[in-house]
Amino acid sequence: MNFNEKLRQEGEYRKALASAKKMLAEGLESSFVKKVTGLFDEDITKMMHQH
């Protein structure tokens, strides 16, 4: 993986985290957020415990 691909992946990950944060704040189920964003359970669980 080259540097540009790495940056693109990091950007996509950050966008998914931002979207998940908004969805969780709106009260959506974590299973739905996981399905839509493609994030892992650990990412979503960590996010839920930060609030």
PDB file of N, CA and C in Angstrom:
ATOM      1  N   MET A   1       0.847  -1.172   0.000  1.00  0.00           N
ATOM      2  CA  MET A   1       0.000   0.000   0.000  1.00  0.00           C
ATOM      3  C   MET A   1       0.894   1.236   0.000  1.00  0.00           C
ATOM      4  N   ASN A   2       0.598   2.143  -0.904  1.00  0.00           N
ATOM      5  CA  ASN A   2       1.415   3.354  -0.954  1.00  0.00           C
ATOM      6  C   ASN A   2       0.849   4.434  -0.029  1.00  0.00           C
ATOM      7  N   PHE A   3       1.565   5.513   0.081  1.00  0.00           N
ATOM      8  CA  PHE A   3       1.211   6.588   1.007  1.00  0.00           C
ATOM      9  C   PHE A   3      -0.175   7.174   0.710  1.00  0.00           C
ATOM     10  N   ASN A   4      -0.476   7.401  -0.557  1.00  0.00           N
ATOM     11  CA  ASN A   4      -1.776   7.965  -0.935  1.00  0.00           C
ATOM     12  C   ASN A   4      -2.933   7.034  -0.577  1.00  0.00           C
ATOM     13  N   GLU A   5      -2.756   5.740  -0.776  1.00  0.00           N
ATOM     14  CA  GLU A   5      -3.786   4.774  -0.412  1.00  0.00           C
ATOM     15  C   GLU A   5      -3.999   4.763   1.094  1.00  0.00           C
ATOM     16  N   LYS A   6      -2.907   4.854   1.832  1.00  0.00           N
ATOM     17  CA  LYS A   6      -2.984   4.884   3.296  1.00  0.00           C
ATOM     18  C   LYS A   6      -3.767   6.117   3.761  1.00  0.00           C
ATOM     19  N   LEU A   7      -3.493   7.267   3.172  1.00  0.00           N
ATOM     20  CA  LEU A   7      -4.213   8.489   3.523  1.00  0.00           C
ATOM     21  C   LEU A   7      -5.695   8.378   3.193  1.00  0.00           C
ATOM     22  N   ARG A   8      -6.012   7.783   2.046  1.00  0.00           N
ATOM     23  CA  ARG A   8      -7.404   7.621   1.640  1.00  0.00           C
ATOM     24  C   ARG A   8      -8.142   6.724   2.633  1.00  0.00           C
ATOM     25  N   GLN A   9      -7.506   5.626   3.012  1.00  0.00           N
ATOM     26  CA  GLN A   9      -8.118   4.717   3.980  1.00  0.00           C
ATOM     27  C   GLN A   9      -8.349   5.407   5.312  1.00  0.00           C
ATOM     28  N   GLU A  10      -7.373   6.175   5.758  1.00  0.00           N
ATOM     29  CA  GLU A  10      -7.504   6.894   7.022  1.00  0.00           C
ATOM     30  C   GLU A  10      -8.657   7.892   6.948  1.00  0.00           C
ATOM     31  N   GLY A  11      -8.793   8.560   5.819  1.00  0.00           N
ATOM     32  CA  GLY A  11      -9.889   9.510   5.637  1.00  0.00           C
ATOM     33  C   GLY A  11     -11.246   8.826   5.654  1.00  0.00           C
ATOM     34  N   GLU A  12     -11.350   7.681   5.027  1.00  0.00           N
ATOM     35  CA  GLU A  12     -12.604   6.928   5.010  1.00  0.00           C
ATOM     36  C   GLU A  12     -12.958   6.452   6.414  1.00  0.00           C
ATOM     37  N   TYR A  13     -11.947   6.028   7.166  1.00  0.00           N
ATOM     38  CA  TYR A  13     -12.165   5.571   8.537  1.00  0.00           C
ATOM     39  C   TYR A  13     -12.680   6.727   9.398  1.00  0.00           C
ATOM     40  N   ARG A  14     -12.066   7.884   9.256  1.00  0.00           N
ATOM     41  CA  ARG A  14     -12.488   9.055  10.041  1.00  0.00           C
ATOM     42  C   ARG A  14     -13.917   9.476   9.692  1.00  0.00           C
ATOM     43  N   LYS A  15     -14.274   9.388   8.414  1.00  0.00           N
ATOM     44  CA  LYS A  15     -15.639   9.714   7.994  1.00  0.00           C
ATOM     45  C   LYS A  15     -16.638   8.726   8.597  1.00  0.00           C
ATOM     46  N   ALA A  16     -16.272   7.452   8.603  1.00  0.00           N
ATOM     47  CA  ALA A  16     -17.149   6.429   9.189  1.00  0.00           C
ATOM     48  C   ALA A  16     -17.327   6.679  10.685  1.00  0.00           C
ATOM     49  N   LEU A  17     -16.254   7.054  11.375  1.00  0.00           N
ATOM     50  CA  LEU A  17     -16.355   7.359  12.803  1.00  0.00           C
ATOM     51  C   LEU A  17     -17.267   8.554  13.046  1.00  0.00           C
ATOM     52  N   ALA A  18     -17.120   9.584  12.232  1.00  0.00           N
ATOM     53  CA  ALA A  18     -17.957  10.784  12.378  1.00  0.00           C
ATOM     54  C   ALA A  18     -19.430  10.445  12.135  1.00  0.00           C
ATOM     55  N   SER A  19     -19.693   9.652  11.122  1.00  0.00           N
ATOM     56  CA  SER A  19     -21.075   9.254  10.827  1.00  0.00           C
ATOM     57  C   SER A  19     -21.646   8.421  11.961  1.00  0.00           C
ATOM     58  N   ALA A  20     -20.850   7.493  12.466  1.00  0.00           N
ATOM     59  CA  ALA A  20     -21.304   6.634  13.564  1.00  0.00           C
ATOM     60  C   ALA A  20     -21.616   7.461  14.799  1.00  0.00           C
ATOM     61  N   LYS A  21     -20.787   8.416  15.091  1.00  0.00           N
ATOM     62  CA  LYS A  21     -21.003   9.275  16.260  1.00  0.00           C
ATOM     63  C   LYS A  21     -22.345  10.002  16.147  1.00  0.00           C
ATOM     64  N   LYS A  22     -22.646  10.530  14.972  1.00  0.00           N
ATOM     65  CA  LYS A  22     -23.913  11.227  14.756  1.00  0.00           C
ATOM     66  C   LYS A  22     -25.099  10.274  14.881  1.00  0.00           C
ATOM     67  N   MET A  23     -24.980   9.082  14.298  1.00  0.00           N
ATOM     68  CA  MET A  23     -26.076   8.115  14.353  1.00  0.00           C
ATOM     69  C   MET A  23     -26.347   7.671  15.784  1.00  0.00           C
ATOM     70  N   LEU A  24     -25.283   7.417  16.548  1.00  0.00           N
ATOM     71  CA  LEU A  24     -25.456   7.008  17.939  1.00  0.00           C
ATOM     72  C   LEU A  24     -26.083   8.133  18.758  1.00  0.00           C
ATOM     73  N   ALA A  25     -25.695   9.363  18.484  1.00  0.00           N
ATOM     74  CA  ALA A  25     -26.260  10.515  19.187  1.00  0.00           C
ATOM     75  C   ALA A  25     -27.765  10.656  18.905  1.00  0.00           C
ATOM     76  N   GLU A  26     -28.182  10.198  17.732  1.00  0.00           N
ATOM     77  CA  GLU A  26     -29.606  10.234  17.372  1.00  0.00           C
ATOM     78  C   GLU A  26     -30.375   9.051  17.943  1.00  0.00           C
ATOM     79  N   GLY A  27     -29.654   8.150  18.618  1.00  0.00           N
ATOM     80  CA  GLY A  27     -30.316   7.028  19.275  1.00  0.00           C
ATOM     81  C   GLY A  27     -30.461   5.775  18.437  1.00  0.00           C
ATOM     82  N   LEU A  28     -29.755   5.706  17.318  1.00  0.00           N
ATOM     83  CA  LEU A  28     -29.844   4.497  16.488  1.00  0.00           C
ATOM     84  C   LEU A  28     -29.125   3.333  17.156  1.00  0.00           C
ATOM     85  N   GLU A  29     -29.575   2.147  16.886  1.00  0.00           N
ATOM     86  CA  GLU A  29     -28.994   0.928  17.447  1.00  0.00           C
ATOM     87  C   GLU A  29     -27.561   0.743  16.968  1.00  0.00           C
ATOM     88  N   SER A  30     -26.712   0.280  17.862  1.00  0.00           N
ATOM     89  CA  SER A  30     -25.303   0.084  17.503  1.00  0.00           C
ATOM     90  C   SER A  30     -25.146  -0.953  16.390  1.00  0.00           C
ATOM     91  N   SER A  31     -26.025  -1.962  16.349  1.00  0.00           N
ATOM     92  CA  SER A  31     -25.936  -2.967  15.289  1.00  0.00           C
ATOM     93  C   SER A  31     -26.211  -2.345  13.918  1.00  0.00           C
ATOM     94  N   PHE A  32     -27.147  -1.402  13.872  1.00  0.00           N
ATOM     95  CA  PHE A  32     -27.444  -0.703  12.618  1.00  0.00           C
ATOM     96  C   PHE A  32     -26.265   0.174  12.212  1.00  0.00           C
ATOM     97  N   VAL A  33     -25.691   0.894  13.187  1.00  0.00           N
ATOM     98  CA  VAL A  33     -24.546   1.769  12.923  1.00  0.00           C
ATOM     99  C   VAL A  33     -23.386   0.953  12.372  1.00  0.00           C
ATOM    100  N   LYS A  34     -23.151  -0.212  12.962  1.00  0.00           N
ATOM    101  CA  LYS A  34     -22.079  -1.109  12.504  1.00  0.00           C
ATOM    102  C   LYS A  34     -22.332  -1.542  11.053  1.00  0.00           C
ATOM    103  N   LYS A  35     -23.563  -1.907  10.771  1.00  0.00           N
ATOM    104  CA  LYS A  35     -23.914  -2.379   9.429  1.00  0.00           C
ATOM    105  C   LYS A  35     -23.720  -1.287   8.380  1.00  0.00           C
ATOM    106  N   VAL A  36     -24.134  -0.076   8.695  1.00  0.00           N
ATOM    107  CA  VAL A  36     -24.076   1.031   7.741  1.00  0.00           C
ATOM    108  C   VAL A  36     -22.646   1.531   7.539  1.00  0.00           C
ATOM    109  N   THR A  37     -21.883   1.652   8.628  1.00  0.00           N
ATOM    110  CA  THR A  37     -20.548   2.244   8.542  1.00  0.00           C
ATOM    111  C   THR A  37     -19.454   1.242   8.220  1.00  0.00           C
ATOM    112  N   GLY A  38     -19.690  -0.032   8.535  1.00  0.00           N
ATOM    113  CA  GLY A  38     -18.657  -1.037   8.334  1.00  0.00           C
ATOM    114  C   GLY A  38     -17.602  -1.043   9.441  1.00  0.00           C
ATOM    115  N   LEU A  39     -17.859  -0.300  10.511  1.00  0.00           N
ATOM    116  CA  LEU A  39     -16.917  -0.276  11.627  1.00  0.00           C
ATOM    117  C   LEU A  39     -17.012  -1.570  12.424  1.00  0.00           C
ATOM    118  N   PHE A  40     -15.994  -1.818  13.210  1.00  0.00           N
ATOM    119  CA  PHE A  40     -15.971  -3.000  14.066  1.00  0.00           C
ATOM    120  C   PHE A  40     -16.690  -2.722  15.376  1.00  0.00           C
ATOM    121  N   ASP A  41     -17.124  -3.787  16.049  1.00  0.00           N
ATOM    122  CA  ASP A  41     -17.792  -3.653  17.339  1.00  0.00           C
ATOM    123  C   ASP A  41     -16.962  -2.834  18.315  1.00  0.00           C
ATOM    124  N   GLU A  42     -15.660  -3.074  18.341  1.00  0.00           N
ATOM    125  CA  GLU A  42     -14.797  -2.375  19.297  1.00  0.00           C
ATOM    126  C   GLU A  42     -14.780  -0.864  19.047  1.00  0.00           C
ATOM    127  N   ASP A  43     -14.835  -0.454  17.786  1.00  0.00           N
ATOM    128  CA  ASP A  43     -14.884   0.978  17.469  1.00  0.00           C
ATOM    129  C   ASP A  43     -16.160   1.608  18.013  1.00  0.00           C
ATOM    130  N   ILE A  44     -17.273   0.943  17.798  1.00  0.00           N
ATOM    131  CA  ILE A  44     -18.559   1.474  18.218  1.00  0.00           C
ATOM    132  C   ILE A  44     -18.688   1.443  19.736  1.00  0.00           C
ATOM    133  N   THR A  45     -18.246   0.363  20.356  1.00  0.00           N
ATOM    134  CA  THR A  45     -18.303   0.257  21.812  1.00  0.00           C
ATOM    135  C   THR A  45     -17.463   1.343  22.464  1.00  0.00           C
ATOM    136  N   LYS A  46     -16.279   1.567  21.942  1.00  0.00           N
ATOM    137  CA  LYS A  46     -15.408   2.613  22.487  1.00  0.00           C
ATOM    138  C   LYS A  46     -16.100   3.974  22.382  1.00  0.00           C
ATOM    139  N   MET A  47     -16.723   4.221  21.244  1.00  0.00           N
ATOM    140  CA  MET A  47     -17.400   5.479  21.015  1.00  0.00           C
ATOM    141  C   MET A  47     -18.573   5.661  21.978  1.00  0.00           C
ATOM    142  N   MET A  48     -19.298   4.591  22.248  1.00  0.00           N
ATOM    143  CA  MET A  48     -20.454   4.655  23.126  1.00  0.00           C
ATOM    144  C   MET A  48     -20.026   4.965  24.562  1.00  0.00           C
ATOM    145  N   HIS A  49     -18.866   4.482  24.962  1.00  0.00           N
ATOM    146  CA  HIS A  49     -18.389   4.702  26.327  1.00  0.00           C
ATOM    147  C   HIS A  49     -17.745   6.065  26.516  1.00  0.00           C
ATOM    148  N   GLN A  50     -17.465   6.762  25.429  1.00  0.00           N
ATOM    149  CA  GLN A  50     -16.865   8.088  25.524  1.00  0.00           C
ATOM    150  C   GLN A  50     -17.902   9.145  25.882  1.00  0.00           C
ATOM    151  N   HIS A  51     -19.177   8.820  25.760  1.00  0.00           N
ATOM    152  CA  HIS A  51     -20.228   9.814  26.026  1.00  0.00           C
ATOM    153  C   HIS A  51     -20.856   9.572  27.356  1.00  0.00           C
TER     154      HIS A  51
END
